[in-house]
């Protein structure tokens, strides 16, 4: 992964679509990353690994006596969702990203007006509003609006690990096969793109603290979850003491979970937003 980058978000965004639709207001569009979902080979082992990073299980769903989904808390508005592998054909690792919307009904209405095939807004099992769109490569991109009384909101202030290496999910670095198509898709979602040498960097005015990066998919390339830390050396020492086996390269600290998923802690200094 290339070194950490910062882009100052612009106040306007050129959205591609068949009509000159009015972009949603910043408080109605994407306001953050709600969660990233991973499929894992062993839920208990993954929860134990995330515990070494300081993250605690918030709540879970089950069916027929088996756990079907676990929510591990990063902060009150950001989670890592874990799903167990239930079929040998299911790939491990990245499943989807879920963006938080300020007004999901307004956002979906806008997406439909520019030709994106957004699913109707519905209430999910946790009590929040959700919608989904498939990206050009068929990956699910999810959107949610937190609702009063949902499982997430009822857990506010709870399960916040005191030893969290980072208290925020900054974004992700995603290898893709169709880089130009993914750039156009994310621009339509409301992100602003800056082309690098081979990568595309994405930010959005409604969530200036979010950083996404797309890069060409190469053999063995895997997504990376990105977390900001004020001091890489201190983060590496904390991870080492917790038994997470970090690998530090300057201002970057890499650690992998039992399934090989990559977690990257980037030194950004205080007040990186």
C-alpha atoms as a PDB file:
ATOM      1  CA  UNK A   1       0.000   0.000   0.000  1.00  0.00           C
ATOM      2  CA  UNK A   2       1.224   3.500  -0.796  1.00  0.00           C
ATOM      3  CA  UNK A   3       1.963   5.824   2.077  1.00  0.00           C
ATOM      4  CA  UNK A   4      -0.868   7.633   3.818  1.00  0.00           C
ATOM      5  CA  UNK A   5      -2.402  10.477   1.845  1.00  0.00           C
ATOM      6  CA  UNK A   6      -4.594  13.411   2.762  1.00  0.00           C
ATOM      7  CA  UNK A   7      -6.918  15.244   0.395  1.00  0.00           C
ATOM      8  CA  UNK A   8      -8.773  18.414   1.362  1.00  0.00           C
ATOM      9  CA  UNK A   9     -12.389  17.719   0.343  1.00  0.00           C
ATOM     10  CA  UNK A  10     -14.028  20.122  -2.094  1.00  0.00           C
ATOM     11  CA  UNK A  11     -17.435  21.658  -1.486  1.00  0.00           C
ATOM     12  CA  UNK A  12     -18.968  20.362  -4.715  1.00  0.00           C
ATOM     13  CA  UNK A  13     -18.920  17.025  -6.540  1.00  0.00           C
ATOM     14  CA  UNK A  14     -19.505  16.192 -10.209  1.00  0.00           C
ATOM     15  CA  UNK A  15     -21.938  13.292 -10.284  1.00  0.00           C
ATOM     16  CA  UNK A  16     -22.305  11.172 -13.409  1.00  0.00           C
ATOM     17  CA  UNK A  17     -25.859  10.410 -14.495  1.00  0.00           C
ATOM     18  CA  UNK A  18     -28.394  10.760 -17.238  1.00  0.00           C
ATOM     19  CA  UNK A  19     -29.990  13.849 -15.711  1.00  0.00           C
ATOM     20  CA  UNK A  20     -28.731  16.916 -13.899  1.00  0.00           C
ATOM     21  CA  UNK A  21     -30.087  15.735 -10.565  1.00  0.00           C
ATOM     22  CA  UNK A  22     -29.531  17.902  -7.507  1.00  0.00           C
ATOM     23  CA  UNK A  23     -26.987  16.282  -5.173  1.00  0.00           C
ATOM     24  CA  UNK A  24     -28.303  15.520  -1.689  1.00  0.00           C
ATOM     25  CA  UNK A  25     -27.489  18.011   1.050  1.00  0.00           C
ATOM     26  CA  UNK A  26     -24.344  17.076   3.035  1.00  0.00           C
ATOM     27  CA  UNK A  27     -26.419  16.169   6.095  1.00  0.00           C
ATOM     28  CA  UNK A  28     -28.592  13.846   3.954  1.00  0.00           C
ATOM     29  CA  UNK A  29     -25.761  12.091   2.116  1.00  0.00           C
ATOM     30  CA  UNK A  30     -22.981   9.793   3.322  1.00  0.00           C
ATOM     31  CA  UNK A  31     -21.790  10.931   6.740  1.00  0.00           C
ATOM     32  CA  UNK A  32     -19.415   8.087   7.623  1.00  0.00           C
ATOM     33  CA  UNK A  33     -18.602   4.388   7.513  1.00  0.00           C
ATOM     34  CA  UNK A  34     -20.981   2.388   9.693  1.00  0.00           C
ATOM     35  CA  UNK A  35     -19.269  -0.980   9.359  1.00  0.00           C
ATOM     36  CA  UNK A  36     -17.189  -3.326   7.278  1.00  0.00           C
ATOM     37  CA  UNK A  37     -18.345  -6.945   7.129  1.00  0.00           C
ATOM     38  CA  UNK A  38     -16.011  -9.950   7.046  1.00  0.00           C
ATOM     39  CA  UNK A  39     -16.720 -13.649   6.670  1.00  0.00           C
ATOM     40  CA  UNK A  40     -14.444 -15.617   8.974  1.00  0.00           C
ATOM     41  CA  UNK A  41     -13.565 -19.265   9.482  1.00  0.00           C
ATOM     42  CA  UNK A  42     -13.985 -19.191  13.278  1.00  0.00           C
ATOM     43  CA  UNK A  43     -16.071 -16.539  15.052  1.00  0.00           C
ATOM     44  CA  UNK A  44     -14.595 -17.092  18.511  1.00  0.00           C
ATOM     45  CA  UNK A  45     -11.043 -16.932  17.189  1.00  0.00           C
ATOM     46  CA  UNK A  46     -11.782 -13.721  15.264  1.00  0.00           C
ATOM     47  CA  UNK A  47     -13.439 -12.094  18.272  1.00  0.00           C
ATOM     48  CA  UNK A  48     -10.377 -13.001  20.347  1.00  0.00           C
ATOM     49  CA  UNK A  49      -8.103 -11.431  17.728  1.00  0.00           C
ATOM     50  CA  UNK A  50     -10.139  -8.211  17.631  1.00  0.00           C
ATOM     51  CA  UNK A  51      -9.960  -8.190  21.407  1.00  0.00           C
ATOM     52  CA  UNK A  52      -6.177  -7.861  21.074  1.00  0.00           C
ATOM     53  CA  UNK A  53      -6.834  -4.646  19.136  1.00  0.00           C
ATOM     54  CA  UNK A  54      -9.008  -3.474  22.023  1.00  0.00           C
ATOM     55  CA  UNK A  55     -12.389  -4.053  20.350  1.00  0.00           C
ATOM     56  CA  UNK A  56     -15.256  -5.754  22.179  1.00  0.00           C
ATOM     57  CA  UNK A  57     -18.285  -7.684  21.007  1.00  0.00           C
ATOM     58  CA  UNK A  58     -21.351  -5.459  21.154  1.00  0.00           C
ATOM     59  CA  UNK A  59     -24.178  -7.870  20.308  1.00  0.00           C
ATOM     60  CA  UNK A  60     -24.953 -10.849  18.089  1.00  0.00           C
ATOM     61  CA  UNK A  61     -27.774 -12.606  16.256  1.00  0.00           C
ATOM     62  CA  UNK A  62     -28.428 -16.320  16.220  1.00  0.00           C
ATOM     63  CA  UNK A  63     -30.720 -18.827  14.538  1.00  0.00           C
ATOM     64  CA  UNK A  64     -31.461 -22.410  15.539  1.00  0.00           C
ATOM     65  CA  UNK A  65     -28.942 -22.133  18.342  1.00  0.00           C
ATOM     66  CA  UNK A  66     -26.103 -21.005  16.068  1.00  0.00           C
ATOM     67  CA  UNK A  67     -24.559 -17.548  15.916  1.00  0.00           C
ATOM     68  CA  UNK A  68     -25.199 -16.009  12.513  1.00  0.00           C
ATOM     69  CA  UNK A  69     -23.734 -12.526  12.933  1.00  0.00           C
ATOM     70  CA  UNK A  70     -21.549 -10.726  15.483  1.00  0.00           C
ATOM     71  CA  UNK A  71     -21.121  -6.961  15.848  1.00  0.00           C
ATOM     72  CA  UNK A  72     -17.750  -5.869  17.249  1.00  0.00           C
ATOM     73  CA  UNK A  73     -17.594  -2.229  18.276  1.00  0.00           C
ATOM     74  CA  UNK A  74     -14.943   0.265  17.199  1.00  0.00           C
ATOM     75  CA  UNK A  75     -16.904   3.239  18.501  1.00  0.00           C
ATOM     76  CA  UNK A  76     -20.576   4.096  18.979  1.00  0.00           C
ATOM     77  CA  UNK A  77     -21.122   4.567  15.230  1.00  0.00           C
ATOM     78  CA  UNK A  78     -18.617   2.133  13.710  1.00  0.00           C
ATOM     79  CA  UNK A  79     -18.499  -1.642  13.870  1.00  0.00           C
ATOM     80  CA  UNK A  80     -16.898  -4.703  12.317  1.00  0.00           C
ATOM     81  CA  UNK A  81     -19.543  -7.258  11.369  1.00  0.00           C
ATOM     82  CA  UNK A  82     -18.494 -10.892  11.446  1.00  0.00           C
ATOM     83  CA  UNK A  83     -20.258 -13.717   9.633  1.00  0.00           C
ATOM     84  CA  UNK A  84     -19.333 -17.396   9.981  1.00  0.00           C
ATOM     85  CA  UNK A  85     -18.453 -19.492   6.966  1.00  0.00           C
ATOM     86  CA  UNK A  86     -21.351 -21.909   6.518  1.00  0.00           C
ATOM     87  CA  UNK A  87     -20.520 -23.386   3.112  1.00  0.00           C
ATOM     88  CA  UNK A  88     -17.142 -24.537   1.713  1.00  0.00           C
ATOM     89  CA  UNK A  89     -17.789 -22.480  -1.425  1.00  0.00           C
ATOM     90  CA  UNK A  90     -18.041 -19.213   0.518  1.00  0.00           C
ATOM     91  CA  UNK A  91     -14.893 -17.075   0.295  1.00  0.00           C
ATOM     92  CA  UNK A  92     -13.374 -15.737   3.485  1.00  0.00           C
ATOM     93  CA  UNK A  93     -12.653 -12.067   4.076  1.00  0.00           C
ATOM     94  CA  UNK A  94     -14.286  -8.950   2.689  1.00  0.00           C
ATOM     95  CA  UNK A  95     -18.078  -9.073   2.285  1.00  0.00           C
ATOM     96  CA  UNK A  96     -19.229  -5.468   2.133  1.00  0.00           C
ATOM     97  CA  UNK A  97     -18.855  -1.919   3.370  1.00  0.00           C
ATOM     98  CA  UNK A  98     -21.806  -0.087   4.902  1.00  0.00           C
ATOM     99  CA  UNK A  99     -21.936   3.713   4.759  1.00  0.00           C
ATOM    100  CA  UNK A 100     -23.956   5.734   7.249  1.00  0.00           C
ATOM    101  CA  UNK A 101     -26.454   8.139   5.699  1.00  0.00           C
ATOM    102  CA  UNK A 102     -27.915  11.242   7.286  1.00  0.00           C
ATOM    103  CA  UNK A 103     -31.272  10.721   5.529  1.00  0.00           C
ATOM    104  CA  UNK A 104     -31.419   7.352   3.820  1.00  0.00           C
ATOM    105  CA  UNK A 105     -34.781   7.900   2.117  1.00  0.00           C
ATOM    106  CA  UNK A 106     -33.506  11.126   0.522  1.00  0.00           C
ATOM    107  CA  UNK A 107     -30.207   9.510  -0.466  1.00  0.00           C
ATOM    108  CA  UNK A 108     -31.849   6.497  -2.115  1.00  0.00           C
ATOM    109  CA  UNK A 109     -34.295   8.779  -3.940  1.00  0.00           C
ATOM    110  CA  UNK A 110     -31.333  10.713  -5.292  1.00  0.00           C
ATOM    111  CA  UNK A 111     -29.453   7.569  -6.331  1.00  0.00           C
ATOM    112  CA  UNK A 112     -32.518   6.330  -8.216  1.00  0.00           C
ATOM    113  CA  UNK A 113     -32.787   9.705  -9.983  1.00  0.00           C
ATOM    114  CA  UNK A 114     -29.285   9.311 -11.451  1.00  0.00           C
ATOM    115  CA  UNK A 115     -29.790   5.724 -12.537  1.00  0.00           C
ATOM    116  CA  UNK A 116     -28.278   3.733  -9.657  1.00  0.00           C
ATOM    117  CA  UNK A 117     -30.246   0.593  -8.783  1.00  0.00           C
ATOM    118  CA  UNK A 118     -30.682   1.141  -5.075  1.00  0.00           C
ATOM    119  CA  UNK A 119     -32.868  -1.358  -3.221  1.00  0.00           C
ATOM    120  CA  UNK A 120     -35.954   0.011  -1.443  1.00  0.00           C
ATOM    121  CA  UNK A 121     -35.255   1.253   2.075  1.00  0.00           C
ATOM    122  CA  UNK A 122     -36.262  -1.287   4.706  1.00  0.00           C
ATOM    123  CA  UNK A 123     -35.734  -1.843   8.404  1.00  0.00           C
ATOM    124  CA  UNK A 124     -33.018  -4.350   9.240  1.00  0.00           C
ATOM    125  CA  UNK A 125     -32.944  -6.906  12.048  1.00  0.00           C
ATOM    126  CA  UNK A 126     -31.013  -4.515  14.317  1.00  0.00           C
ATOM    127  CA  UNK A 127     -33.701  -1.839  13.921  1.00  0.00           C
ATOM    128  CA  UNK A 128     -31.925   0.527  11.532  1.00  0.00           C
ATOM    129  CA  UNK A 129     -32.929   1.544   8.001  1.00  0.00           C
ATOM    130  CA  UNK A 130     -30.885  -0.112   5.251  1.00  0.00           C
ATOM    131  CA  UNK A 131     -30.541  -0.158   1.469  1.00  0.00           C
ATOM    132  CA  UNK A 132     -28.024  -1.783  -0.866  1.00  0.00           C
ATOM    133  CA  UNK A 133     -26.475  -1.213  -4.291  1.00  0.00           C
ATOM    134  CA  UNK A 134     -24.193  -3.611  -6.155  1.00  0.00           C
ATOM    135  CA  UNK A 135     -20.993  -2.033  -7.442  1.00  0.00           C
ATOM    136  CA  UNK A 136     -19.742  -2.671 -11.023  1.00  0.00           C
ATOM    137  CA  UNK A 137     -18.013  -5.883  -9.920  1.00  0.00           C
ATOM    138  CA  UNK A 138     -21.059  -7.227  -8.089  1.00  0.00           C
ATOM    139  CA  UNK A 139     -19.930  -6.412  -4.556  1.00  0.00           C
ATOM    140  CA  UNK A 140     -22.631  -5.311  -2.148  1.00  0.00           C
ATOM    141  CA  UNK A 141     -22.414  -1.696  -1.002  1.00  0.00           C
ATOM    142  CA  UNK A 142     -24.717  -1.116   1.938  1.00  0.00           C
ATOM    143  CA  UNK A 143     -26.199   2.068   3.404  1.00  0.00           C
ATOM    144  CA  UNK A 144     -27.793   2.538   6.804  1.00  0.00           C
ATOM    145  CA  UNK A 145     -29.439   5.209   8.914  1.00  0.00           C
ATOM    146  CA  UNK A 146     -29.223   4.640  12.640  1.00  0.00           C
ATOM    147  CA  UNK A 147     -32.640   4.772  14.295  1.00  0.00           C
ATOM    148  CA  UNK A 148     -33.639   5.432  17.925  1.00  0.00           C
ATOM    149  CA  UNK A 149     -34.148   2.182  19.781  1.00  0.00           C
ATOM    150  CA  UNK A 150     -32.022   0.072  17.431  1.00  0.00           C
ATOM    151  CA  UNK A 151     -29.513  -2.414  18.841  1.00  0.00           C
ATOM    152  CA  UNK A 152     -26.673  -0.107  17.837  1.00  0.00           C
ATOM    153  CA  UNK A 153     -28.158   2.964  19.514  1.00  0.00           C
ATOM    154  CA  UNK A 154     -29.146   1.083  22.676  1.00  0.00           C
ATOM    155  CA  UNK A 155     -25.488   0.061  23.022  1.00  0.00           C
ATOM    156  CA  UNK A 156     -24.191   3.641  22.989  1.00  0.00           C
ATOM    157  CA  UNK A 157     -21.513   4.178  25.625  1.00  0.00           C
ATOM    158  CA  UNK A 158     -21.117   0.434  26.192  1.00  0.00           C
ATOM    159  CA  UNK A 159     -18.499  -2.094  25.023  1.00  0.00           C
ATOM    160  CA  UNK A 160     -15.957   0.639  24.338  1.00  0.00           C
ATOM    161  CA  UNK A 161     -12.668  -1.089  25.036  1.00  0.00           C
ATOM    162  CA  UNK A 162     -10.289   0.963  27.152  1.00  0.00           C
ATOM    163  CA  UNK A 163      -7.329  -0.567  25.322  1.00  0.00           C
ATOM    164  CA  UNK A 164      -8.463   0.224  21.749  1.00  0.00           C
ATOM    165  CA  UNK A 165      -5.376   0.792  19.602  1.00  0.00           C
ATOM    166  CA  UNK A 166      -7.474   3.149  17.474  1.00  0.00           C
ATOM    167  CA  UNK A 167     -10.909   4.543  18.250  1.00  0.00           C
ATOM    168  CA  UNK A 168     -11.891   5.082  14.611  1.00  0.00           C
ATOM    169  CA  UNK A 169     -12.194   3.236  11.316  1.00  0.00           C
ATOM    170  CA  UNK A 170     -10.603   5.623   8.835  1.00  0.00           C
ATOM    171  CA  UNK A 171     -11.509   3.716   5.674  1.00  0.00           C
ATOM    172  CA  UNK A 172     -10.209   0.934   3.468  1.00  0.00           C
ATOM    173  CA  UNK A 173      -7.858   0.082   0.618  1.00  0.00           C
ATOM    174  CA  UNK A 174      -9.698  -2.126  -1.876  1.00  0.00           C
ATOM    175  CA  UNK A 175      -8.171  -4.016  -4.844  1.00  0.00           C
ATOM    176  CA  UNK A 176     -10.552  -3.916  -7.821  1.00  0.00           C
ATOM    177  CA  UNK A 177     -10.503  -5.355 -11.329  1.00  0.00           C
ATOM    178  CA  UNK A 178     -12.312  -2.479 -13.070  1.00  0.00           C
ATOM    179  CA  UNK A 179     -10.657   0.605 -11.609  1.00  0.00           C
ATOM    180  CA  UNK A 180     -12.272   3.157 -13.939  1.00  0.00           C
ATOM    181  CA  UNK A 181     -15.760   1.717 -13.419  1.00  0.00           C
ATOM    182  CA  UNK A 182     -15.324   1.675  -9.631  1.00  0.00           C
ATOM    183  CA  UNK A 183     -14.106   5.278  -9.682  1.00  0.00           C
ATOM    184  CA  UNK A 184     -17.209   6.325 -11.620  1.00  0.00           C
ATOM    185  CA  UNK A 185     -19.464   4.336  -9.265  1.00  0.00           C
ATOM    186  CA  UNK A 186     -18.037   5.938  -6.128  1.00  0.00           C
ATOM    187  CA  UNK A 187     -18.228   9.367  -7.740  1.00  0.00           C
ATOM    188  CA  UNK A 188     -21.932   8.745  -8.309  1.00  0.00           C
ATOM    189  CA  UNK A 189     -22.276   7.778  -4.649  1.00  0.00           C
ATOM    190  CA  UNK A 190     -20.990  11.252  -3.741  1.00  0.00           C
ATOM    191  CA  UNK A 191     -17.251  10.721  -3.345  1.00  0.00           C
ATOM    192  CA  UNK A 192     -14.589  12.919  -4.880  1.00  0.00           C
ATOM    193  CA  UNK A 193     -11.781  11.129  -6.696  1.00  0.00           C
ATOM    194  CA  UNK A 194      -8.125  11.985  -7.154  1.00  0.00           C
ATOM    195  CA  UNK A 195      -6.110   9.747  -9.450  1.00  0.00           C
ATOM    196  CA  UNK A 196      -2.700   8.619  -8.212  1.00  0.00           C
ATOM    197  CA  UNK A 197      -0.003   6.822 -10.178  1.00  0.00           C
ATOM    198  CA  UNK A 198      -2.040   3.623 -10.238  1.00  0.00           C
ATOM    199  CA  UNK A 199      -4.535   4.143  -7.419  1.00  0.00           C
ATOM    200  CA  UNK A 200      -7.638   6.253  -6.919  1.00  0.00           C
ATOM    201  CA  UNK A 201      -8.102   8.172  -3.664  1.00  0.00           C
ATOM    202  CA  UNK A 202     -11.650   8.976  -2.545  1.00  0.00           C
ATOM    203  CA  UNK A 203     -13.100  11.423  -0.021  1.00  0.00           C
ATOM    204  CA  UNK A 204     -16.565  12.856   0.547  1.00  0.00           C
ATOM    205  CA  UNK A 205     -17.598  16.292   1.882  1.00  0.00           C
ATOM    206  CA  UNK A 206     -20.188  14.808   4.230  1.00  0.00           C
ATOM    207  CA  UNK A 207     -17.540  12.702   5.978  1.00  0.00           C
ATOM    208  CA  UNK A 208     -14.195  14.515   5.653  1.00  0.00           C
ATOM    209  CA  UNK A 209     -12.512  12.051   7.995  1.00  0.00           C
ATOM    210  CA  UNK A 210     -13.157   9.077   5.681  1.00  0.00           C
ATOM    211  CA  UNK A 211     -10.394   7.968   3.298  1.00  0.00           C
ATOM    212  CA  UNK A 212     -10.860   5.270   0.675  1.00  0.00           C
ATOM    213  CA  UNK A 213      -8.367   3.929  -1.831  1.00  0.00           C
ATOM    214  CA  UNK A 214      -8.945   1.744  -4.883  1.00  0.00           C
ATOM    215  CA  UNK A 215      -6.079  -0.083  -6.579  1.00  0.00           C
ATOM    216  CA  UNK A 216      -5.754  -2.605  -9.407  1.00  0.00           C
ATOM    217  CA  UNK A 217      -6.332  -6.160  -8.253  1.00  0.00           C
ATOM    218  CA  UNK A 218      -3.166  -8.236  -8.500  1.00  0.00           C
ATOM    219  CA  UNK A 219      -2.756 -11.928  -7.627  1.00  0.00           C
ATOM    220  CA  UNK A 220      -3.003 -12.321  -3.871  1.00  0.00           C
ATOM    221  CA  UNK A 221      -4.108  -8.713  -3.288  1.00  0.00           C
ATOM    222  CA  UNK A 222      -6.429  -8.310  -0.319  1.00  0.00           C
ATOM    223  CA  UNK A 223      -8.462  -5.425   1.096  1.00  0.00           C
ATOM    224  CA  UNK A 224      -6.974  -3.522   4.010  1.00  0.00           C
ATOM    225  CA  UNK A 225      -8.878  -1.896   6.856  1.00  0.00           C
ATOM    226  CA  UNK A 226      -7.351   1.461   7.796  1.00  0.00           C
ATOM    227  CA  UNK A 227      -7.215   2.938  11.297  1.00  0.00           C
ATOM    228  CA  UNK A 228      -5.570   6.214  12.388  1.00  0.00           C
ATOM    229  CA  UNK A 229      -3.192   6.352  15.363  1.00  0.00           C
ATOM    230  CA  UNK A 230      -1.235   9.299  16.782  1.00  0.00           C
ATOM    231  CA  UNK A 231       2.002   7.298  17.118  1.00  0.00           C
ATOM    232  CA  UNK A 232       2.896   4.222  15.029  1.00  0.00           C
ATOM    233  CA  UNK A 233       5.667   3.069  17.357  1.00  0.00           C
ATOM    234  CA  UNK A 234       3.372   3.209  20.359  1.00  0.00           C
ATOM    235  CA  UNK A 235       0.637   1.361  18.442  1.00  0.00           C
ATOM    236  CA  UNK A 236       3.096  -1.355  17.415  1.00  0.00           C
ATOM    237  CA  UNK A 237       4.269  -1.801  20.995  1.00  0.00           C
ATOM    238  CA  UNK A 238       0.694  -2.027  22.234  1.00  0.00           C
ATOM    239  CA  UNK A 239      -0.177  -4.629  19.611  1.00  0.00           C
ATOM    240  CA  UNK A 240       2.964  -6.602  20.404  1.00  0.00           C
ATOM    241  CA  UNK A 241       2.164  -6.596  24.114  1.00  0.00           C
ATOM    242  CA  UNK A 242      -1.339  -7.866  23.274  1.00  0.00           C
ATOM    243  CA  UNK A 243       0.093 -10.720  21.211  1.00  0.00           C
ATOM    244  CA  UNK A 244      -1.120  -9.462  17.815  1.00  0.00           C
ATOM    245  CA  UNK A 245       2.296  -9.795  16.070  1.00  0.00           C
ATOM    246  CA  UNK A 246       2.514  -6.402  14.325  1.00  0.00           C
ATOM    247  CA  UNK A 247       4.888  -5.460  11.518  1.00  0.00           C
ATOM    248  CA  UNK A 248       5.875  -1.768  11.575  1.00  0.00           C
ATOM    249  CA  UNK A 249       7.195   0.054   8.538  1.00  0.00           C
ATOM    250  CA  UNK A 250       7.804   3.663   9.486  1.00  0.00           C
ATOM    251  CA  UNK A 251       4.433   5.301  10.107  1.00  0.00           C
ATOM    252  CA  UNK A 252       2.498   2.182   9.100  1.00  0.00           C
ATOM    253  CA  UNK A 253       1.736  -0.782  11.337  1.00  0.00           C
ATOM    254  CA  UNK A 254       0.383  -3.971   9.768  1.00  0.00           C
ATOM    255  CA  UNK A 255      -1.295  -6.841  11.549  1.00  0.00           C
ATOM    256  CA  UNK A 256      -3.240  -9.807  10.155  1.00  0.00           C
ATOM    257  CA  UNK A 257      -6.107 -11.725  11.673  1.00  0.00           C
ATOM    258  CA  UNK A 258      -6.215 -15.567  11.722  1.00  0.00           C
ATOM    259  CA  UNK A 259      -7.723 -15.620   8.209  1.00  0.00           C
ATOM    260  CA  UNK A 260      -5.139 -13.235   6.786  1.00  0.00           C
ATOM    261  CA  UNK A 261      -7.299 -10.090   6.696  1.00  0.00           C
ATOM    262  CA  UNK A 262      -5.088  -7.011   6.863  1.00  0.00           C
ATOM    263  CA  UNK A 263      -5.512  -4.280   9.482  1.00  0.00           C
ATOM    264  CA  UNK A 264      -3.342  -1.205   8.962  1.00  0.00           C
ATOM    265  CA  UNK A 265      -2.712   1.464  11.598  1.00  0.00           C
ATOM    266  CA  UNK A 266      -1.487   4.740  10.101  1.00  0.00           C
ATOM    267  CA  UNK A 267       0.283   7.432  12.054  1.00  0.00           C
ATOM    268  CA  UNK A 268      -1.690  10.597  11.365  1.00  0.00           C
ATOM    269  CA  UNK A 269      -0.935  12.600  14.479  1.00  0.00           C
ATOM    270  CA  UNK A 270      -3.580  14.151  16.703  1.00  0.00           C
ATOM    271  CA  UNK A 271      -6.611  15.803  15.143  1.00  0.00           C
ATOM    272  CA  UNK A 272      -6.111  14.215  11.699  1.00  0.00           C
ATOM    273  CA  UNK A 273      -9.514  15.374  10.522  1.00  0.00           C
END
